[in-house]
Amino acid sequence: MAIRRIAVEEAFVTPEIMAQWHVVLAGRDVEPGFAKMGESILAQTPANKPLDDRLLDIGAGRIAHMDAVGVDVHLLSLTSPGVQVFDAPLAMRLAAESNDALAAAVKAHPTRFAGLAAIAPQDPAGAAREIERAAQKLGLSGVIINSHTMGEYLDAPKYRPIFEAAQSQDMPIYLHPREPAPSMVTPYLDYGLYFAGWGFAAETGLHAMRLIMSGTFDRFPRLRIVLGHMGEGLPFWLQRIDNRYLLEVKIGAVDKLPKLPSQYFLDNFVITTAGVTSMPALRLCLDVLGVERILFAADFPYEDDAEAVRFMDDAQVTEDERRQIYETNARRVFKLKV
């Protein structure tokens, strides 16, 4: 049976959310990293228009492009920073409306699209209700959260309703990058370091480590977190993280956890190939994590998805490993029926 290529970090946006970003960017007290994004990839310029058009299209144009590059399914998610730069009432409304639009696209093209629900962490109780609605009424397959929300991280106790809902509804959370939080962004503002080449991974890797070290997965042992971009660098560092964690426990610098940090990563995280077409990187992740924790993603429309397909088609892996990365793991993690 032919392998179906399921890509699990494929972005979209609604016209109103795009418009509201520019309302925020035109105001005062804009987060420095978000302001930088407003000067670059979020700027409404002729150079960015093809990107914007692709983000806005969750219909026939996108499907035609998928056919052209050989991708069978897009798992769609609201692009960064989503609704996480708005005040809570606006964020809640826009998240719900984007989820309705996404569910309609999935219903219209059930063999080609699946979706992750956007939520507004600004209102944790409301976000939990939206997770339940997405799972029970909209038929969406997980949750998208674009790292920090106004400089706050999800390990804070006030966000526990989000994890309670995600665990109870068996909805994996894709922890997607955005620019570094105001508390850490200053040295990233030079040389483009705030952007995807470095700052995104540093921000999201930090967020994942905060979840591990805070005991989040002891409270929510069935919670599943998805990290893109070959795990935002963390698979490379797991041995070092364990080594220094044990020293820190010994000298009393951190509390002892029931498990090593690397074991939480193995138990509660999966990663995707989004934006990485490097065989040495994939080989390291296969060796450290195992093939069952790796999913294919093309990172459309930000990356060259034709290159992503060529890389995975030609990767030096077994055919069984290729099928797991392309298809089987995505079906299992996100309970896809496409």
C-alpha atoms as a PDB file:
ATOM      1  CA  MET A   1       0.000   0.000   0.000  1.00  0.00           C
ATOM      2  CA  ALA A   2       1.319   3.433  -0.932  1.00  0.00           C
ATOM      3  CA  ILE A   3       2.416   5.702   1.893  1.00  0.00           C
ATOM      4  CA  ARG A   4       0.224   8.746   2.500  1.00  0.00           C
ATOM      5  CA  ARG A   5       2.282  11.840   3.282  1.00  0.00           C
ATOM      6  CA  ILE A   6       0.664  13.571   6.271  1.00  0.00           C
ATOM      7  CA  ALA A   7       2.190  16.953   7.098  1.00  0.00           C
ATOM      8  CA  VAL A   8       1.396  18.078  10.653  1.00  0.00           C
ATOM      9  CA  GLU A   9       2.647  21.679  11.012  1.00  0.00           C
ATOM     10  CA  GLU A  10       0.883  23.473   8.178  1.00  0.00           C
ATOM     11  CA  ALA A  11      -0.183  27.044   8.877  1.00  0.00           C
ATOM     12  CA  PHE A  12      -3.204  29.155   8.094  1.00  0.00           C
ATOM     13  CA  VAL A  13      -4.740  32.394   9.337  1.00  0.00           C
ATOM     14  CA  THR A  14      -8.102  34.128   9.094  1.00  0.00           C
ATOM     15  CA  PRO A  15      -8.457  37.593   7.561  1.00  0.00           C
ATOM     16  CA  GLU A  16      -9.696  39.110  10.818  1.00  0.00           C
ATOM     17  CA  ILE A  17      -6.814  37.769  12.895  1.00  0.00           C
ATOM     18  CA  MET A  18      -4.346  39.090  10.332  1.00  0.00           C
ATOM     19  CA  ALA A  19      -6.065  42.486  10.437  1.00  0.00           C
ATOM     20  CA  GLN A  20      -6.114  42.536  14.247  1.00  0.00           C
ATOM     21  CA  TRP A  21      -2.365  41.845  14.409  1.00  0.00           C
ATOM     22  CA  HIS A  22      -1.820  45.120  12.603  1.00  0.00           C
ATOM     23  CA  VAL A  23      -4.117  46.931  15.017  1.00  0.00           C
ATOM     24  CA  VAL A  24      -1.886  45.704  17.859  1.00  0.00           C
ATOM     25  CA  LEU A  25       1.289  46.565  15.950  1.00  0.00           C
ATOM     26  CA  ALA A  26       0.037  50.120  15.399  1.00  0.00           C
ATOM     27  CA  GLY A  27      -0.576  50.638  19.118  1.00  0.00           C
ATOM     28  CA  ARG A  28       1.623  51.382  22.091  1.00  0.00           C
ATOM     29  CA  ASP A  29       3.553  48.977  24.321  1.00  0.00           C
ATOM     30  CA  VAL A  30       3.952  46.315  21.639  1.00  0.00           C
ATOM     31  CA  GLU A  31       6.082  43.349  22.705  1.00  0.00           C
ATOM     32  CA  PRO A  32       9.558  44.005  21.238  1.00  0.00           C
ATOM     33  CA  GLY A  33       9.771  40.659  19.482  1.00  0.00           C
ATOM     34  CA  PHE A  34       6.296  40.990  17.998  1.00  0.00           C
ATOM     35  CA  ALA A  35       7.195  44.492  16.833  1.00  0.00           C
ATOM     36  CA  LYS A  36      10.175  43.013  15.000  1.00  0.00           C
ATOM     37  CA  MET A  37       7.880  40.458  13.387  1.00  0.00           C
ATOM     38  CA  GLY A  38       5.697  43.367  12.269  1.00  0.00           C
ATOM     39  CA  GLU A  39       8.690  44.831  10.469  1.00  0.00           C
ATOM     40  CA  SER A  40       9.504  41.583   8.683  1.00  0.00           C
ATOM     41  CA  ILE A  41       7.318  38.591   7.916  1.00  0.00           C
ATOM     42  CA  LEU A  42       4.072  40.161   9.182  1.00  0.00           C
ATOM     43  CA  ALA A  43       4.564  43.373   7.202  1.00  0.00           C
ATOM     44  CA  GLN A  44       1.929  43.908   4.542  1.00  0.00           C
ATOM     45  CA  THR A  45       4.294  44.334   1.607  1.00  0.00           C
ATOM     46  CA  PRO A  46       4.307  43.117  -2.001  1.00  0.00           C
ATOM     47  CA  ALA A  47       7.084  40.701  -1.071  1.00  0.00           C
ATOM     48  CA  ASN A  48       4.950  39.128   1.666  1.00  0.00           C
ATOM     49  CA  LYS A  49       1.697  39.004  -0.309  1.00  0.00           C
ATOM     50  CA  PRO A  50       2.252  35.496  -1.777  1.00  0.00           C
ATOM     51  CA  LEU A  51       2.898  34.203   1.744  1.00  0.00           C
ATOM     52  CA  ASP A  52      -0.213  35.930   3.094  1.00  0.00           C
ATOM     53  CA  ASP A  53      -2.325  34.562   0.250  1.00  0.00           C
ATOM     54  CA  ARG A  54      -1.189  31.016   1.008  1.00  0.00           C
ATOM     55  CA  LEU A  55      -1.892  31.431   4.730  1.00  0.00           C
ATOM     56  CA  LEU A  56      -5.430  32.633   4.004  1.00  0.00           C
ATOM     57  CA  ASP A  57      -6.254  29.774   1.617  1.00  0.00           C
ATOM     58  CA  ILE A  58      -7.684  26.655   3.239  1.00  0.00           C
ATOM     59  CA  GLY A  59      -9.505  25.518   0.145  1.00  0.00           C
ATOM     60  CA  ALA A  60      -8.920  24.584  -3.468  1.00  0.00           C
ATOM     61  CA  GLY A  61      -5.727  26.591  -3.987  1.00  0.00           C
ATOM     62  CA  ARG A  62      -3.992  24.891  -1.080  1.00  0.00           C
ATOM     63  CA  ILE A  63      -5.114  21.464  -2.215  1.00  0.00           C
ATOM     64  CA  ALA A  64      -3.799  22.122  -5.717  1.00  0.00           C
ATOM     65  CA  HIS A  65      -0.437  23.038  -4.213  1.00  0.00           C
ATOM     66  CA  MET A  66      -0.451  19.904  -2.056  1.00  0.00           C
ATOM     67  CA  ASP A  67      -1.099  17.832  -5.166  1.00  0.00           C
ATOM     68  CA  ALA A  68       1.782  19.537  -6.954  1.00  0.00           C
ATOM     69  CA  VAL A  69       4.326  18.709  -4.240  1.00  0.00           C
ATOM     70  CA  GLY A  70       2.916  15.298  -3.328  1.00  0.00           C
ATOM     71  CA  VAL A  71       1.473  15.944   0.146  1.00  0.00           C
ATOM     72  CA  ASP A  72      -1.729  14.051   0.857  1.00  0.00           C
ATOM     73  CA  VAL A  73      -2.928  15.658   4.101  1.00  0.00           C
ATOM     74  CA  HIS A  74      -2.388  18.959   5.905  1.00  0.00           C
ATOM     75  CA  LEU A  75      -2.930  19.084   9.645  1.00  0.00           C
ATOM     76  CA  LEU A  76      -3.811  22.775   9.758  1.00  0.00           C
ATOM     77  CA  SER A  77      -3.061  25.128  12.649  1.00  0.00           C
ATOM     78  CA  LEU A  78      -3.386  28.854  13.276  1.00  0.00           C
ATOM     79  CA  THR A  79      -0.053  30.470  12.552  1.00  0.00           C
ATOM     80  CA  SER A  80       2.108  32.220  15.141  1.00  0.00           C
ATOM     81  CA  PRO A  81       1.399  34.261  17.238  1.00  0.00           C
ATOM     82  CA  GLY A  82      -2.229  33.326  16.737  1.00  0.00           C
ATOM     83  CA  VAL A  83      -4.550  35.048  19.195  1.00  0.00           C
ATOM     84  CA  GLN A  84      -1.961  35.275  21.970  1.00  0.00           C
ATOM     85  CA  VAL A  85      -1.224  38.997  21.475  1.00  0.00           C
ATOM     86  CA  PHE A  86      -4.811  40.154  22.084  1.00  0.00           C
ATOM     87  CA  ASP A  87      -6.787  40.937  25.219  1.00  0.00           C
ATOM     88  CA  ALA A  88      -8.727  37.965  26.536  1.00  0.00           C
ATOM     89  CA  PRO A  89     -12.244  38.720  25.193  1.00  0.00           C
ATOM     90  CA  LEU A  90     -11.001  39.409  21.659  1.00  0.00           C
ATOM     91  CA  ALA A  91      -8.660  36.419  21.773  1.00  0.00           C
ATOM     92  CA  MET A  92     -11.439  34.087  22.881  1.00  0.00           C
ATOM     93  CA  ARG A  93     -13.766  35.258  20.112  1.00  0.00           C
ATOM     94  CA  LEU A  94     -11.151  35.053  17.374  1.00  0.00           C
ATOM     95  CA  ALA A  95      -9.970  31.616  18.499  1.00  0.00           C
ATOM     96  CA  ALA A  96     -13.518  30.247  18.420  1.00  0.00           C
ATOM     97  CA  GLU A  97     -14.211  31.796  15.017  1.00  0.00           C
ATOM     98  CA  SER A  98     -10.974  30.447  13.548  1.00  0.00           C
ATOM     99  CA  ASN A  99     -11.811  26.993  14.909  1.00  0.00           C
ATOM    100  CA  ASP A 100     -15.243  27.164  13.289  1.00  0.00           C
ATOM    101  CA  ALA A 101     -13.645  28.119   9.965  1.00  0.00           C
ATOM    102  CA  LEU A 102     -11.096  25.335  10.323  1.00  0.00           C
ATOM    103  CA  ALA A 103     -13.739  22.738  11.160  1.00  0.00           C
ATOM    104  CA  ALA A 104     -15.718  23.820   8.083  1.00  0.00           C
ATOM    105  CA  ALA A 105     -12.645  23.378   5.876  1.00  0.00           C
ATOM    106  CA  VAL A 106     -12.019  19.920   7.328  1.00  0.00           C
ATOM    107  CA  LYS A 107     -15.660  18.981   6.767  1.00  0.00           C
ATOM    108  CA  ALA A 108     -15.471  20.216   3.174  1.00  0.00           C
ATOM    109  CA  HIS A 109     -12.247  18.300   2.465  1.00  0.00           C
ATOM    110  CA  PRO A 110     -12.168  15.404   4.946  1.00  0.00           C
ATOM    111  CA  THR A 111      -9.603  13.364   3.019  1.00  0.00           C
ATOM    112  CA  ARG A 112      -7.154  16.263   2.721  1.00  0.00           C
ATOM    113  CA  PHE A 113      -7.407  18.359   5.893  1.00  0.00           C
ATOM    114  CA  ALA A 114      -7.448  17.854   9.643  1.00  0.00           C
ATOM    115  CA  GLY A 115      -7.043  20.592  12.228  1.00  0.00           C
ATOM    116  CA  LEU A 116      -5.648  21.763  15.558  1.00  0.00           C
ATOM    117  CA  ALA A 117      -7.781  24.060  17.690  1.00  0.00           C
ATOM    118  CA  ALA A 118      -6.552  27.509  18.644  1.00  0.00           C
ATOM    119  CA  ILE A 119      -7.149  28.627  22.220  1.00  0.00           C
ATOM    120  CA  ALA A 120      -6.625  31.821  24.207  1.00  0.00           C
ATOM    121  CA  PRO A 121      -4.433  31.052  27.240  1.00  0.00           C
ATOM    122  CA  GLN A 122      -5.246  34.587  28.453  1.00  0.00           C
ATOM    123  CA  ASP A 123      -8.467  33.011  29.809  1.00  0.00           C
ATOM    124  CA  PRO A 124      -7.460  29.521  31.034  1.00  0.00           C
ATOM    125  CA  ALA A 125     -10.993  28.456  31.945  1.00  0.00           C
ATOM    126  CA  GLY A 126     -12.325  29.671  28.615  1.00  0.00           C
ATOM    127  CA  ALA A 127      -9.446  27.952  26.835  1.00  0.00           C
ATOM    128  CA  ALA A 128     -10.343  24.691  28.565  1.00  0.00           C
ATOM    129  CA  ARG A 129     -13.940  25.035  27.400  1.00  0.00           C
ATOM    130  CA  GLU A 130     -12.736  25.644  23.834  1.00  0.00           C
ATOM    131  CA  ILE A 131     -10.610  22.491  23.954  1.00  0.00           C
ATOM    132  CA  GLU A 132     -13.681  20.530  25.002  1.00  0.00           C
ATOM    133  CA  ARG A 133     -15.773  22.110  22.237  1.00  0.00           C
ATOM    134  CA  ALA A 134     -13.070  21.425  19.649  1.00  0.00           C
ATOM    135  CA  ALA A 135     -12.877  17.781  20.656  1.00  0.00           C
ATOM    136  CA  GLN A 136     -16.543  17.037  21.212  1.00  0.00           C
ATOM    137  CA  LYS A 137     -18.318  19.242  18.658  1.00  0.00           C
ATOM    138  CA  LEU A 138     -15.846  20.354  15.998  1.00  0.00           C
ATOM    139  CA  GLY A 139     -13.954  17.105  15.497  1.00  0.00           C
ATOM    140  CA  LEU A 140     -10.529  18.738  15.644  1.00  0.00           C
ATOM    141  CA  SER A 141      -7.461  16.655  16.410  1.00  0.00           C
ATOM    142  CA  GLY A 142      -5.443  18.593  18.971  1.00  0.00           C
ATOM    143  CA  VAL A 143      -4.484  22.063  20.179  1.00  0.00           C
ATOM    144  CA  ILE A 144      -2.053  24.697  18.916  1.00  0.00           C
ATOM    145  CA  ILE A 145      -0.345  27.042  21.403  1.00  0.00           C
ATOM    146  CA  ASN A 146       2.254  29.497  20.144  1.00  0.00           C
ATOM    147  CA  SER A 147       4.677  29.355  23.084  1.00  0.00           C
ATOM    148  CA  HIS A 148       4.481  32.235  25.584  1.00  0.00           C
ATOM    149  CA  THR A 149       1.389  34.372  26.074  1.00  0.00           C
ATOM    150  CA  MET A 150       2.344  37.949  26.875  1.00  0.00           C
ATOM    151  CA  GLY A 151       5.573  36.721  28.429  1.00  0.00           C
ATOM    152  CA  GLU A 152       3.999  33.989  30.561  1.00  0.00           C
ATOM    153  CA  TYR A 153       4.647  30.254  30.304  1.00  0.00           C
ATOM    154  CA  LEU A 154       2.257  27.369  30.699  1.00  0.00           C
ATOM    155  CA  ASP A 155       3.969  25.900  33.765  1.00  0.00           C
ATOM    156  CA  ALA A 156       2.306  28.615  35.877  1.00  0.00           C
ATOM    157  CA  PRO A 157      -0.438  27.092  38.057  1.00  0.00           C
ATOM    158  CA  LYS A 158      -3.142  29.316  36.562  1.00  0.00           C
ATOM    159  CA  TYR A 159      -2.830  27.444  33.245  1.00  0.00           C
ATOM    160  CA  ARG A 160      -3.584  24.020  34.691  1.00  0.00           C
ATOM    161  CA  PRO A 161      -7.192  24.017  33.421  1.00  0.00           C
ATOM    162  CA  ILE A 162      -5.754  23.924  29.896  1.00  0.00           C
ATOM    163  CA  PHE A 163      -3.769  20.792  30.658  1.00  0.00           C
ATOM    164  CA  GLU A 164      -6.662  19.218  32.530  1.00  0.00           C
ATOM    165  CA  ALA A 165      -8.887  19.670  29.483  1.00  0.00           C
ATOM    166  CA  ALA A 166      -6.233  18.510  27.004  1.00  0.00           C
ATOM    167  CA  GLN A 167      -5.549  15.375  29.028  1.00  0.00           C
ATOM    168  CA  SER A 168      -9.209  14.553  29.640  1.00  0.00           C
ATOM    169  CA  GLN A 169     -10.071  15.028  25.952  1.00  0.00           C
ATOM    170  CA  ASP A 170      -6.901  13.228  24.776  1.00  0.00           C
ATOM    171  CA  MET A 171      -5.917  16.272  22.713  1.00  0.00           C
ATOM    172  CA  PRO A 172      -2.166  16.640  22.058  1.00  0.00           C
ATOM    173  CA  ILE A 173      -0.781  20.169  22.312  1.00  0.00           C
ATOM    174  CA  TYR A 174       1.492  21.387  19.535  1.00  0.00           C
ATOM    175  CA  LEU A 175       3.809  23.852  21.297  1.00  0.00           C
ATOM    176  CA  HIS A 176       4.733  26.034  18.359  1.00  0.00           C
ATOM    177  CA  PRO A 177       7.405  28.767  18.318  1.00  0.00           C
ATOM    178  CA  ARG A 178       7.086  32.492  18.372  1.00  0.00           C
ATOM    179  CA  GLU A 179       9.584  35.263  18.999  1.00  0.00           C
ATOM    180  CA  PRO A 180      11.209  35.345  22.468  1.00  0.00           C
ATOM    181  CA  ALA A 181       9.267  36.790  25.377  1.00  0.00           C
ATOM    182  CA  PRO A 182       9.948  40.364  26.527  1.00  0.00           C
ATOM    183  CA  SER A 183      11.902  39.043  29.523  1.00  0.00           C
ATOM    184  CA  MET A 184      14.518  37.422  27.256  1.00  0.00           C
ATOM    185  CA  VAL A 185      14.256  39.090  23.849  1.00  0.00           C
ATOM    186  CA  THR A 186      16.713  42.025  24.085  1.00  0.00           C
ATOM    187  CA  PRO A 187      19.910  40.239  22.944  1.00  0.00           C
ATOM    188  CA  TYR A 188      17.919  38.523  20.192  1.00  0.00           C
ATOM    189  CA  LEU A 189      16.795  41.758  18.546  1.00  0.00           C
ATOM    190  CA  ASP A 190      20.080  42.200  16.659  1.00  0.00           C
ATOM    191  CA  TYR A 191      21.096  40.277  13.540  1.00  0.00           C
ATOM    192  CA  GLY A 192      17.683  38.682  13.055  1.00  0.00           C
ATOM    193  CA  LEU A 193      18.247  36.354  16.021  1.00  0.00           C
ATOM    194  CA  TYR A 194      14.662  36.866  17.252  1.00  0.00           C
ATOM    195  CA  PHE A 195      13.443  34.988  14.184  1.00  0.00           C
ATOM    196  CA  ALA A 196      13.248  31.315  13.186  1.00  0.00           C
ATOM    197  CA  GLY A 197      16.987  30.835  12.737  1.00  0.00           C
ATOM    198  CA  TRP A 198      17.620  30.922  16.489  1.00  0.00           C
ATOM    199  CA  GLY A 199      15.158  32.786  18.711  1.00  0.00           C
ATOM    200  CA  PHE A 200      12.137  30.619  17.936  1.00  0.00           C
ATOM    201  CA  ALA A 201      13.908  27.414  18.981  1.00  0.00           C
ATOM    202  CA  ALA A 202      15.459  29.032  22.058  1.00  0.00           C
ATOM    203  CA  GLU A 203      12.043  30.295  23.165  1.00  0.00           C
ATOM    204  CA  THR A 204      10.140  27.086  22.591  1.00  0.00           C
ATOM    205  CA  GLY A 205      12.895  24.832  23.941  1.00  0.00           C
ATOM    206  CA  LEU A 206      12.901  26.923  27.114  1.00  0.00           C
ATOM    207  CA  HIS A 207       9.124  26.566  27.360  1.00  0.00           C
ATOM    208  CA  ALA A 208       9.355  22.789  27.027  1.00  0.00           C
ATOM    209  CA  MET A 209      12.057  22.624  29.699  1.00  0.00           C
ATOM    210  CA  ARG A 210       9.917  24.709  32.065  1.00  0.00           C
ATOM    211  CA  LEU A 211       7.113  22.177  31.647  1.00  0.00           C
ATOM    212  CA  ILE A 212       9.476  19.289  32.405  1.00  0.00           C
ATOM    213  CA  MET A 213      11.264  20.851  35.377  1.00  0.00           C
ATOM    214  CA  SER A 214       8.061  22.212  36.979  1.00  0.00           C
ATOM    215  CA  GLY A 215       6.584  18.741  37.455  1.00  0.00           C
ATOM    216  CA  THR A 216       3.799  19.365  34.928  1.00  0.00           C
ATOM    217  CA  PHE A 217       3.974  15.781  33.659  1.00  0.00           C
ATOM    218  CA  ASP A 218       3.725  14.331  37.154  1.00  0.00           C
ATOM    219  CA  ARG A 219       0.419  16.172  37.515  1.00  0.00           C
ATOM    220  CA  PHE A 220      -0.672  15.319  33.961  1.00  0.00           C
ATOM    221  CA  PRO A 221       1.064  12.045  33.060  1.00  0.00           C
ATOM    222  CA  ARG A 222      -1.003  11.435  29.910  1.00  0.00           C
ATOM    223  CA  LEU A 223      -0.405  14.903  28.483  1.00  0.00           C
ATOM    224  CA  ARG A 224       1.229  14.814  25.036  1.00  0.00           C
ATOM    225  CA  ILE A 225       3.297  17.749  23.736  1.00  0.00           C
ATOM    226  CA  VAL A 226       4.412  18.045  20.115  1.00  0.00           C
ATOM    227  CA  LEU A 227       7.552  20.036  19.238  1.00  0.00           C
ATOM    228  CA  GLY A 228       8.458  20.943  15.684  1.00  0.00           C
ATOM    229  CA  HIS A 229      11.809  21.544  14.015  1.00  0.00           C
ATOM    230  CA  MET A 230      13.349  18.254  15.190  1.00  0.00           C
ATOM    231  CA  GLY A 231      12.368  18.974  18.782  1.00  0.00           C
ATOM    232  CA  GLU A 232      13.686  22.565  18.909  1.00  0.00           C
ATOM    233  CA  GLY A 233      17.194  21.194  19.550  1.00  0.00           C
ATOM    234  CA  LEU A 234      16.321  19.320  22.756  1.00  0.00           C
ATOM    235  CA  PRO A 235      17.074  15.786  21.485  1.00  0.00           C
ATOM    236  CA  PHE A 236      20.697  16.872  20.988  1.00  0.00           C
ATOM    237  CA  TRP A 237      20.918  18.083  24.606  1.00  0.00           C
ATOM    238  CA  LEU A 238      19.085  15.368  26.567  1.00  0.00           C
ATOM    239  CA  GLN A 239      22.187  13.616  27.920  1.00  0.00           C
ATOM    240  CA  ARG A 240      23.710  16.946  28.976  1.00  0.00           C
ATOM    241  CA  ILE A 241      20.423  18.043  30.548  1.00  0.00           C
ATOM    242  CA  ASP A 242      20.271  14.846  32.651  1.00  0.00           C
ATOM    243  CA  ASN A 243      23.932  15.151  33.612  1.00  0.00           C
ATOM    244  CA  ARG A 244      23.627  18.722  34.881  1.00  0.00           C
ATOM    245  CA  TYR A 245      20.227  18.067  36.470  1.00  0.00           C
ATOM    246  CA  LEU A 246      21.776  15.335  38.631  1.00  0.00           C
ATOM    247  CA  LEU A 247      24.517  17.730  39.719  1.00  0.00           C
ATOM    248  CA  GLU A 248      21.959  20.417  40.528  1.00  0.00           C
ATOM    249  CA  VAL A 249      19.972  17.944  42.625  1.00  0.00           C
ATOM    250  CA  LYS A 250      23.143  16.926  44.455  1.00  0.00           C
ATOM    251  CA  ILE A 251      24.032  20.508  45.398  1.00  0.00           C
ATOM    252  CA  GLY A 252      20.432  21.424  46.234  1.00  0.00           C
ATOM    253  CA  ALA A 253      19.912  23.800  43.321  1.00  0.00           C
ATOM    254  CA  VAL A 254      16.720  22.086  42.088  1.00  0.00           C
ATOM    255  CA  ASP A 255      14.116  19.769  43.553  1.00  0.00           C
ATOM    256  CA  LYS A 256      14.422  16.103  42.645  1.00  0.00           C
ATOM    257  CA  LEU A 257      11.852  14.891  40.140  1.00  0.00           C
ATOM    258  CA  PRO A 258      10.479  11.327  40.086  1.00  0.00           C
ATOM    259  CA  LYS A 259      12.132  10.781  36.698  1.00  0.00           C
ATOM    260  CA  LEU A 260      15.064  12.163  34.757  1.00  0.00           C
ATOM    261  CA  PRO A 261      14.245  15.070  32.422  1.00  0.00           C
ATOM    262  CA  SER A 262      15.037  12.908  29.396  1.00  0.00           C
ATOM    263  CA  GLN A 263      12.494  10.313  30.521  1.00  0.00           C
ATOM    264  CA  TYR A 264       9.739  12.937  30.629  1.00  0.00           C
ATOM    265  CA  PHE A 265      10.745  13.906  27.117  1.00  0.00           C
ATOM    266  CA  LEU A 266      10.479  10.296  25.959  1.00  0.00           C
ATOM    267  CA  ASP A 267       7.203   9.731  27.797  1.00  0.00           C
ATOM    268  CA  ASN A 268       5.356  12.956  27.017  1.00  0.00           C
ATOM    269  CA  PHE A 269       6.797  14.493  23.827  1.00  0.00           C
ATOM    270  CA  VAL A 270       6.891  13.716  20.150  1.00  0.00           C
ATOM    271  CA  ILE A 271       8.699  15.794  17.544  1.00  0.00           C
ATOM    272  CA  THR A 272       8.255  16.723  13.914  1.00  0.00           C
ATOM    273  CA  THR A 273      10.625  17.296  11.032  1.00  0.00           C
ATOM    274  CA  ALA A 274       9.184  20.755  10.253  1.00  0.00           C
ATOM    275  CA  GLY A 275      11.760  22.944   8.576  1.00  0.00           C
ATOM    276  CA  VAL A 276      14.673  20.497   8.919  1.00  0.00           C
ATOM    277  CA  THR A 277      15.981  18.519   5.958  1.00  0.00           C
ATOM    278  CA  SER A 278      19.218  17.210   7.454  1.00  0.00           C
ATOM    279  CA  MET A 279      19.962  13.491   7.559  1.00  0.00           C
ATOM    280  CA  PRO A 280      22.419  13.831  10.488  1.00  0.00           C
ATOM    281  CA  ALA A 281      19.707  15.625  12.491  1.00  0.00           C
ATOM    282  CA  LEU A 282      17.128  12.985  11.629  1.00  0.00           C
ATOM    283  CA  ARG A 283      19.583  10.188  12.445  1.00  0.00           C
ATOM    284  CA  LEU A 284      20.311  11.682  15.866  1.00  0.00           C
ATOM    285  CA  CYS A 285      16.588  11.913  16.619  1.00  0.00           C
ATOM    286  CA  LEU A 286      16.035   8.336  15.478  1.00  0.00           C
ATOM    287  CA  ASP A 287      18.868   7.141  17.714  1.00  0.00           C
ATOM    288  CA  VAL A 288      17.870   9.203  20.770  1.00  0.00           C
ATOM    289  CA  LEU A 289      14.068   9.124  20.572  1.00  0.00           C
ATOM    290  CA  GLY A 290      13.103   6.212  18.366  1.00  0.00           C
ATOM    291  CA  VAL A 291      11.150   6.381  15.128  1.00  0.00           C
ATOM    292  CA  GLU A 292       7.795   6.188  16.924  1.00  0.00           C
ATOM    293  CA  ARG A 293       8.310   9.735  18.272  1.00  0.00           C
ATOM    294  CA  ILE A 294       9.001  11.431  14.930  1.00  0.00           C
ATOM    295  CA  LEU A 295       6.340  12.835  12.577  1.00  0.00           C
ATOM    296  CA  PHE A 296       6.652  14.478   9.176  1.00  0.00           C
ATOM    297  CA  ALA A 297       5.869  18.169   8.759  1.00  0.00           C
ATOM    298  CA  ALA A 298       6.541  20.499   5.854  1.00  0.00           C
ATOM    299  CA  ASP A 299       5.983  23.868   7.630  1.00  0.00           C
ATOM    300  CA  PHE A 300       3.919  25.256   4.751  1.00  0.00           C
ATOM    301  CA  PRO A 301       3.931  28.036   3.623  1.00  0.00           C
ATOM    302  CA  TYR A 302       7.110  29.155   5.392  1.00  0.00           C
ATOM    303  CA  GLU A 303       9.380  26.397   4.091  1.00  0.00           C
ATOM    304  CA  ASP A 304       9.971  24.693   0.757  1.00  0.00           C
ATOM    305  CA  ASP A 305       7.593  21.770   1.147  1.00  0.00           C
ATOM    306  CA  ALA A 306       8.747  20.181  -2.112  1.00  0.00           C
ATOM    307  CA  GLU A 307      12.214  19.979  -0.575  1.00  0.00           C
ATOM    308  CA  ALA A 308      10.737  18.477   2.595  1.00  0.00           C
ATOM    309  CA  VAL A 309       9.071  15.723   0.548  1.00  0.00           C
ATOM    310  CA  ARG A 310      12.228  15.042  -1.456  1.00  0.00           C
ATOM    311  CA  PHE A 311      14.236  14.803   1.747  1.00  0.00           C
ATOM    312  CA  MET A 312      11.884  12.348   3.408  1.00  0.00           C
ATOM    313  CA  ASP A 313      11.418  10.302   0.231  1.00  0.00           C
ATOM    314  CA  ASP A 314      15.194   9.916  -0.088  1.00  0.00           C
ATOM    315  CA  ALA A 315      16.130   9.746   3.605  1.00  0.00           C
ATOM    316  CA  GLN A 316      18.445   6.890   4.586  1.00  0.00           C
ATOM    317  CA  VAL A 317      15.823   5.026   6.623  1.00  0.00           C
ATOM    318  CA  THR A 318      13.977   1.761   6.199  1.00  0.00           C
ATOM    319  CA  GLU A 319      10.653   1.742   4.374  1.00  0.00           C
ATOM    320  CA  ASP A 320       8.918   0.910   7.646  1.00  0.00           C
ATOM    321  CA  GLU A 321      10.550   3.928   9.310  1.00  0.00           C
ATOM    322  CA  ARG A 322       9.551   6.129   6.381  1.00  0.00           C
ATOM    323  CA  ARG A 323       5.936   4.998   6.669  1.00  0.00           C
ATOM    324  CA  GLN A 324       5.900   5.629  10.410  1.00  0.00           C
ATOM    325  CA  ILE A 325       7.313   9.142  10.015  1.00  0.00           C
ATOM    326  CA  TYR A 326       5.087  10.055   7.086  1.00  0.00           C
ATOM    327  CA  GLU A 327       1.846   8.475   8.175  1.00  0.00           C
ATOM    328  CA  THR A 328       1.515   5.945  10.989  1.00  0.00           C
ATOM    329  CA  ASN A 329       2.723   8.144  13.837  1.00  0.00           C
ATOM    330  CA  ALA A 330       0.513  11.063  12.806  1.00  0.00           C
ATOM    331  CA  ARG A 331      -2.535   8.806  12.674  1.00  0.00           C
ATOM    332  CA  ARG A 332      -1.770   7.497  16.171  1.00  0.00           C
ATOM    333  CA  VAL A 333      -0.814  10.769  17.908  1.00  0.00           C
ATOM    334  CA  PHE A 334      -3.630  12.877  16.436  1.00  0.00           C
ATOM    335  CA  LYS A 335      -6.159  10.032  15.997  1.00  0.00           C
ATOM    336  CA  LEU A 336      -6.513  10.920  12.329  1.00  0.00           C
ATOM    337  CA  LYS A 337      -9.092   9.156  10.214  1.00  0.00           C
ATOM    338  CA  VAL A 338      -8.185  10.805   6.891  1.00  0.00           C
END
